[in-house]
Amino acid sequence: MPQGKAGFAPGRLAFIVLQILKSALDRGRAIMALSPGRATG
């Protein structure tokens, strides 16, 4: 059977999601560092 959209590896998807979350966290940390008065956690 030809592998369609359901044929990709779940590990690869998890890796992509982790990369997106990591970049989002880094961006949030940078914003918090730039504006410590606004971002109170």
C-alpha atoms as a PDB file:
ATOM      1  CA  MET A   1       0.000   0.000   0.000  1.00  0.00           C
ATOM      2  CA  PRO A   2       1.242   3.493  -0.784  1.00  0.00           C
ATOM      3  CA  GLN A   3       1.871   5.558   2.313  1.00  0.00           C
ATOM      4  CA  GLY A   4      -0.175   8.744   2.393  1.00  0.00           C
ATOM      5  CA  LYS A   5      -0.494  11.405   5.046  1.00  0.00           C
ATOM      6  CA  ALA A   6      -0.785   8.773   7.768  1.00  0.00           C
ATOM      7  CA  GLY A   7       2.508   7.202   6.738  1.00  0.00           C
ATOM      8  CA  PHE A   8       4.899   9.757   8.222  1.00  0.00           C
ATOM      9  CA  ALA A   9       6.739   8.910  11.419  1.00  0.00           C
ATOM     10  CA  PRO A  10       5.196  10.223  14.655  1.00  0.00           C
ATOM     11  CA  GLY A  11       8.689  10.848  16.013  1.00  0.00           C
ATOM     12  CA  ARG A  12       9.356  13.316  13.221  1.00  0.00           C
ATOM     13  CA  LEU A  13       6.146  15.183  13.998  1.00  0.00           C
ATOM     14  CA  ALA A  14       7.033  15.292  17.689  1.00  0.00           C
ATOM     15  CA  PHE A  15      10.488  16.631  16.793  1.00  0.00           C
ATOM     16  CA  ILE A  16       8.945  19.407  14.682  1.00  0.00           C
ATOM     17  CA  VAL A  17       6.509  20.315  17.466  1.00  0.00           C
ATOM     18  CA  LEU A  18       9.342  20.416  20.004  1.00  0.00           C
ATOM     19  CA  GLN A  19      11.351  22.708  17.737  1.00  0.00           C
ATOM     20  CA  ILE A  20       8.371  25.066  17.376  1.00  0.00           C
ATOM     21  CA  LEU A  21       7.788  25.102  21.137  1.00  0.00           C
ATOM     22  CA  LYS A  22      11.477  25.684  21.798  1.00  0.00           C
ATOM     23  CA  SER A  23      11.625  28.638  19.412  1.00  0.00           C
ATOM     24  CA  ALA A  24       8.441  30.058  20.934  1.00  0.00           C
ATOM     25  CA  LEU A  25       9.928  29.734  24.436  1.00  0.00           C
ATOM     26  CA  ASP A  26      13.162  31.405  23.331  1.00  0.00           C
ATOM     27  CA  ARG A  27      11.185  34.256  21.777  1.00  0.00           C
ATOM     28  CA  GLY A  28       9.098  34.665  24.937  1.00  0.00           C
ATOM     29  CA  ARG A  29      12.236  34.681  27.075  1.00  0.00           C
ATOM     30  CA  ALA A  30      13.785  37.363  24.865  1.00  0.00           C
ATOM     31  CA  ILE A  31      10.641  39.486  25.099  1.00  0.00           C
ATOM     32  CA  MET A  32      10.627  39.096  28.887  1.00  0.00           C
ATOM     33  CA  ALA A  33      14.281  40.110  29.012  1.00  0.00           C
ATOM     34  CA  LEU A  34      13.603  43.175  26.862  1.00  0.00           C
ATOM     35  CA  SER A  35      10.601  44.300  28.916  1.00  0.00           C
ATOM     36  CA  PRO A  36      11.030  43.122  32.522  1.00  0.00           C
ATOM     37  CA  GLY A  37       8.483  45.646  33.782  1.00  0.00           C
ATOM     38  CA  ARG A  38       5.632  44.323  31.624  1.00  0.00           C
ATOM     39  CA  ALA A  39       6.200  40.581  31.791  1.00  0.00           C
ATOM     40  CA  THR A  40       5.603  39.551  35.383  1.00  0.00           C
ATOM     41  CA  GLY A  41       5.488  35.855  34.581  1.00  0.00           C
END
